[in-house]
Amino acid sequence: MMKIGVIPDSFRVPFKEAVILARDIGAKGLQPYVTEGLLAPENLSKQQRKEILNFVKDNGLVFSALCADFNMKFSDPENNGADIRR
């Protein structure tokens, strides 16, 4: 079953607080922005990713989607390799 997620940034509080608020309103999933800030891939170690995932799971939620608008132009073949990896 597909789970619709809330965007944690919409609560305008730090991520962990947003997870708790999402749980408390009955959300089943999260759809966070991952283009910059706490959840950007380059800002997280493997251990930190595990900790965040465990925190989300411990609060009864899942990542239902990721907002990954990197403002990339996938129509430019020269940049596709690096853009897709990110």
N, C-alpha and C. Protein backbone atom coordinates (compact mmCIF):
# COMPACT_ATOMS: atom_id res chain seq x y z
N MET A 1 0.84 -1.19 0.00
CA MET A 1 0.00 0.00 0.00
C MET A 1 0.88 1.25 0.00
N MET A 2 0.56 2.18 -0.86
CA MET A 2 1.31 3.42 -0.96
C MET A 2 1.00 4.31 0.24
N LYS A 3 2.04 4.92 0.79
CA LYS A 3 1.85 5.83 1.92
C LYS A 3 2.13 7.26 1.46
N ILE A 4 1.21 8.13 1.72
CA ILE A 4 1.38 9.53 1.39
C ILE A 4 2.15 10.18 2.53
N GLY A 5 3.14 10.97 2.18
CA GLY A 5 3.96 11.59 3.21
C GLY A 5 3.77 13.09 3.31
N VAL A 6 4.05 13.60 4.48
CA VAL A 6 4.06 15.04 4.70
C VAL A 6 5.48 15.55 4.51
N ILE A 7 5.61 16.79 4.13
CA ILE A 7 6.92 17.41 3.97
C ILE A 7 7.33 17.99 5.32
N PRO A 8 8.36 17.43 5.95
CA PRO A 8 8.75 17.89 7.29
C PRO A 8 9.02 19.39 7.37
N ASP A 9 9.58 19.97 6.32
CA ASP A 9 9.86 21.41 6.33
C ASP A 9 8.61 22.25 6.53
N SER A 10 7.45 21.70 6.17
CA SER A 10 6.22 22.49 6.30
C SER A 10 5.86 22.78 7.75
N PHE A 11 6.42 22.02 8.69
CA PHE A 11 6.16 22.29 10.10
C PHE A 11 7.02 23.45 10.63
N ARG A 12 8.07 23.80 9.89
CA ARG A 12 8.96 24.91 10.25
C ARG A 12 9.60 24.75 11.62
N VAL A 13 10.01 23.51 11.89
CA VAL A 13 10.75 23.16 13.10
C VAL A 13 11.89 22.23 12.68
N PRO A 14 12.87 22.00 13.55
CA PRO A 14 13.94 21.06 13.21
C PRO A 14 13.38 19.68 12.83
N PHE A 15 14.14 18.93 12.04
CA PHE A 15 13.67 17.68 11.46
C PHE A 15 13.08 16.71 12.49
N LYS A 16 13.79 16.45 13.57
CA LYS A 16 13.29 15.47 14.54
C LYS A 16 11.98 15.93 15.17
N GLU A 17 11.84 17.20 15.41
CA GLU A 17 10.56 17.72 15.92
C GLU A 17 9.46 17.53 14.89
N ALA A 18 9.80 17.73 13.62
CA ALA A 18 8.82 17.56 12.55
C ALA A 18 8.37 16.10 12.45
N VAL A 19 9.28 15.17 12.67
CA VAL A 19 8.92 13.75 12.65
C VAL A 19 7.87 13.48 13.73
N ILE A 20 8.09 14.00 14.90
CA ILE A 20 7.16 13.79 16.01
C ILE A 20 5.81 14.44 15.72
N LEU A 21 5.83 15.64 15.17
CA LEU A 21 4.58 16.31 14.81
C LEU A 21 3.83 15.53 13.73
N ALA A 22 4.56 15.02 12.75
CA ALA A 22 3.94 14.23 11.68
C ALA A 22 3.28 12.99 12.28
N ARG A 23 3.99 12.32 13.16
CA ARG A 23 3.43 11.15 13.84
C ARG A 23 2.16 11.52 14.60
N ASP A 24 2.23 12.63 15.32
CA ASP A 24 1.11 13.03 16.18
C ASP A 24 -0.14 13.43 15.40
N ILE A 25 0.01 13.87 14.15
CA ILE A 25 -1.18 14.20 13.36
C ILE A 25 -1.69 13.00 12.57
N GLY A 26 -1.00 11.87 12.71
CA GLY A 26 -1.46 10.66 12.06
C GLY A 26 -0.87 10.37 10.70
N ALA A 27 0.16 11.10 10.32
CA ALA A 27 0.82 10.83 9.04
C ALA A 27 1.46 9.45 9.11
N LYS A 28 1.62 8.84 7.96
CA LYS A 28 2.26 7.53 7.88
C LYS A 28 3.63 7.62 7.22
N GLY A 29 3.88 8.72 6.50
CA GLY A 29 5.13 8.84 5.79
C GLY A 29 5.65 10.26 5.77
N LEU A 30 6.91 10.37 5.37
CA LEU A 30 7.59 11.66 5.24
C LEU A 30 8.10 11.80 3.82
N GLN A 31 8.08 13.01 3.34
CA GLN A 31 8.63 13.32 2.02
C GLN A 31 9.54 14.54 2.18
N PRO A 32 10.76 14.31 2.69
CA PRO A 32 11.64 15.44 2.97
C PRO A 32 12.41 15.93 1.75
N TYR A 33 12.81 17.18 1.80
CA TYR A 33 13.73 17.73 0.82
C TYR A 33 15.12 17.20 1.14
N VAL A 34 15.84 16.77 0.13
CA VAL A 34 17.19 16.24 0.34
C VAL A 34 18.22 16.96 -0.52
N THR A 35 17.87 18.14 -0.97
CA THR A 35 18.78 18.87 -1.85
C THR A 35 19.82 19.69 -1.10
N GLU A 36 19.54 20.00 0.16
CA GLU A 36 20.49 20.76 0.97
C GLU A 36 20.14 20.55 2.43
N GLY A 37 21.00 21.00 3.30
CA GLY A 37 20.72 20.92 4.73
C GLY A 37 20.99 19.54 5.32
N LEU A 38 20.31 19.26 6.42
CA LEU A 38 20.54 18.05 7.20
C LEU A 38 20.50 16.78 6.37
N LEU A 39 19.54 16.64 5.47
CA LEU A 39 19.34 15.38 4.77
C LEU A 39 20.00 15.30 3.39
N ALA A 40 20.78 16.30 3.02
CA ALA A 40 21.51 16.23 1.75
C ALA A 40 22.52 15.09 1.82
N PRO A 41 22.66 14.31 0.76
CA PRO A 41 23.54 13.15 0.80
C PRO A 41 24.97 13.46 1.24
N GLU A 42 25.48 14.58 0.82
CA GLU A 42 26.87 14.92 1.16
C GLU A 42 27.05 15.35 2.61
N ASN A 43 25.96 15.55 3.32
CA ASN A 43 26.02 15.99 4.71
C ASN A 43 25.83 14.86 5.72
N LEU A 44 25.67 13.63 5.24
CA LEU A 44 25.38 12.50 6.13
C LEU A 44 26.38 11.37 5.95
N SER A 45 26.86 10.87 7.05
CA SER A 45 27.68 9.65 7.01
C SER A 45 26.72 8.46 6.95
N LYS A 46 27.26 7.28 6.71
CA LYS A 46 26.44 6.08 6.70
C LYS A 46 25.76 5.89 8.06
N GLN A 47 26.50 6.12 9.12
CA GLN A 47 25.94 5.99 10.48
C GLN A 47 24.82 7.00 10.73
N GLN A 48 25.00 8.23 10.29
CA GLN A 48 23.97 9.24 10.47
C GLN A 48 22.70 8.88 9.69
N ARG A 49 22.87 8.34 8.49
CA ARG A 49 21.70 7.91 7.71
C ARG A 49 20.93 6.83 8.46
N LYS A 50 21.66 5.88 9.04
CA LYS A 50 21.01 4.82 9.81
C LYS A 50 20.27 5.38 11.02
N GLU A 51 20.89 6.33 11.71
CA GLU A 51 20.26 6.94 12.88
C GLU A 51 18.97 7.66 12.51
N ILE A 52 19.00 8.40 11.42
CA ILE A 52 17.80 9.12 10.98
C ILE A 52 16.71 8.12 10.59
N LEU A 53 17.08 7.10 9.83
CA LEU A 53 16.10 6.09 9.43
C LEU A 53 15.50 5.41 10.65
N ASN A 54 16.33 5.05 11.62
CA ASN A 54 15.82 4.41 12.84
C ASN A 54 14.90 5.34 13.62
N PHE A 55 15.23 6.63 13.68
CA PHE A 55 14.37 7.59 14.38
C PHE A 55 13.00 7.67 13.71
N VAL A 56 13.01 7.71 12.39
CA VAL A 56 11.75 7.77 11.64
C VAL A 56 10.95 6.50 11.90
N LYS A 57 11.59 5.34 11.79
CA LYS A 57 10.90 4.07 12.02
C LYS A 57 10.39 3.95 13.45
N ASP A 58 11.21 4.38 14.41
CA ASP A 58 10.81 4.30 15.82
C ASP A 58 9.56 5.14 16.11
N ASN A 59 9.29 6.11 15.26
CA ASN A 59 8.10 6.94 15.40
C ASN A 59 6.96 6.48 14.50
N GLY A 60 7.10 5.27 13.95
CA GLY A 60 6.02 4.67 13.17
C GLY A 60 5.85 5.22 11.77
N LEU A 61 6.88 5.86 11.24
CA LEU A 61 6.79 6.48 9.92
C LEU A 61 7.77 5.82 8.95
N VAL A 62 7.57 6.11 7.68
CA VAL A 62 8.48 5.69 6.62
C VAL A 62 8.81 6.90 5.76
N PHE A 63 9.87 6.79 4.99
CA PHE A 63 10.13 7.77 3.95
C PHE A 63 9.31 7.32 2.74
N SER A 64 8.25 8.03 2.44
CA SER A 64 7.40 7.65 1.32
C SER A 64 7.93 8.17 0.00
N ALA A 65 8.74 9.21 0.06
CA ALA A 65 9.36 9.79 -1.14
C ALA A 65 10.42 10.77 -0.69
N LEU A 66 11.27 11.16 -1.62
CA LEU A 66 12.27 12.19 -1.37
C LEU A 66 12.07 13.31 -2.38
N CYS A 67 12.10 14.54 -1.92
CA CYS A 67 12.05 15.69 -2.82
C CYS A 67 13.50 15.99 -3.20
N ALA A 68 13.84 15.67 -4.41
CA ALA A 68 15.23 15.80 -4.84
C ALA A 68 15.36 16.68 -6.06
N ASP A 69 14.76 17.83 -5.99
CA ASP A 69 14.86 18.78 -7.09
C ASP A 69 16.21 19.47 -6.98
N PHE A 70 17.19 18.91 -7.65
CA PHE A 70 18.53 19.47 -7.60
C PHE A 70 18.71 20.59 -8.62
N ASN A 71 17.63 21.01 -9.25
CA ASN A 71 17.68 22.05 -10.27
C ASN A 71 18.63 21.66 -11.39
N MET A 72 18.54 20.40 -11.75
CA MET A 72 19.44 19.87 -12.77
C MET A 72 18.74 19.84 -14.12
N LYS A 73 19.55 19.84 -15.13
CA LYS A 73 19.04 19.80 -16.49
C LYS A 73 19.46 18.46 -17.09
N PHE A 74 18.64 17.43 -16.86
CA PHE A 74 18.99 16.10 -17.31
C PHE A 74 19.04 15.97 -18.83
N SER A 75 18.63 17.00 -19.53
CA SER A 75 18.72 16.95 -20.98
C SER A 75 20.12 17.26 -21.48
N ASP A 76 21.03 17.65 -20.58
CA ASP A 76 22.42 17.94 -20.95
C ASP A 76 23.27 16.69 -20.68
N PRO A 77 23.56 15.90 -21.71
CA PRO A 77 24.28 14.64 -21.53
C PRO A 77 25.63 14.78 -20.84
N GLU A 78 26.29 15.91 -20.97
CA GLU A 78 27.60 16.09 -20.35
C GLU A 78 27.53 16.11 -18.83
N ASN A 79 26.42 16.52 -18.27
CA ASN A 79 26.27 16.60 -16.82
C ASN A 79 25.51 15.44 -16.20
N ASN A 80 24.92 14.60 -17.01
CA ASN A 80 24.04 13.54 -16.49
C ASN A 80 24.73 12.63 -15.49
N GLY A 81 25.95 12.21 -15.75
CA GLY A 81 26.63 11.27 -14.85
C GLY A 81 26.70 11.75 -13.43
N ALA A 82 27.22 12.94 -13.22
CA ALA A 82 27.37 13.50 -11.86
C ALA A 82 26.00 13.80 -11.25
N ASP A 83 25.08 14.32 -12.04
CA ASP A 83 23.76 14.66 -11.52
C ASP A 83 23.01 13.42 -11.06
N ILE A 84 23.05 12.37 -11.83
CA ILE A 84 22.33 11.15 -11.47
C ILE A 84 22.94 10.50 -10.25
N ARG A 85 24.27 10.48 -10.15
CA ARG A 85 24.91 9.92 -8.95
C ARG A 85 24.48 10.65 -7.69
N ARG A 86 24.40 11.96 -7.76
CA ARG A 86 24.00 12.72 -6.57
C ARG A 86 22.57 12.40 -6.23
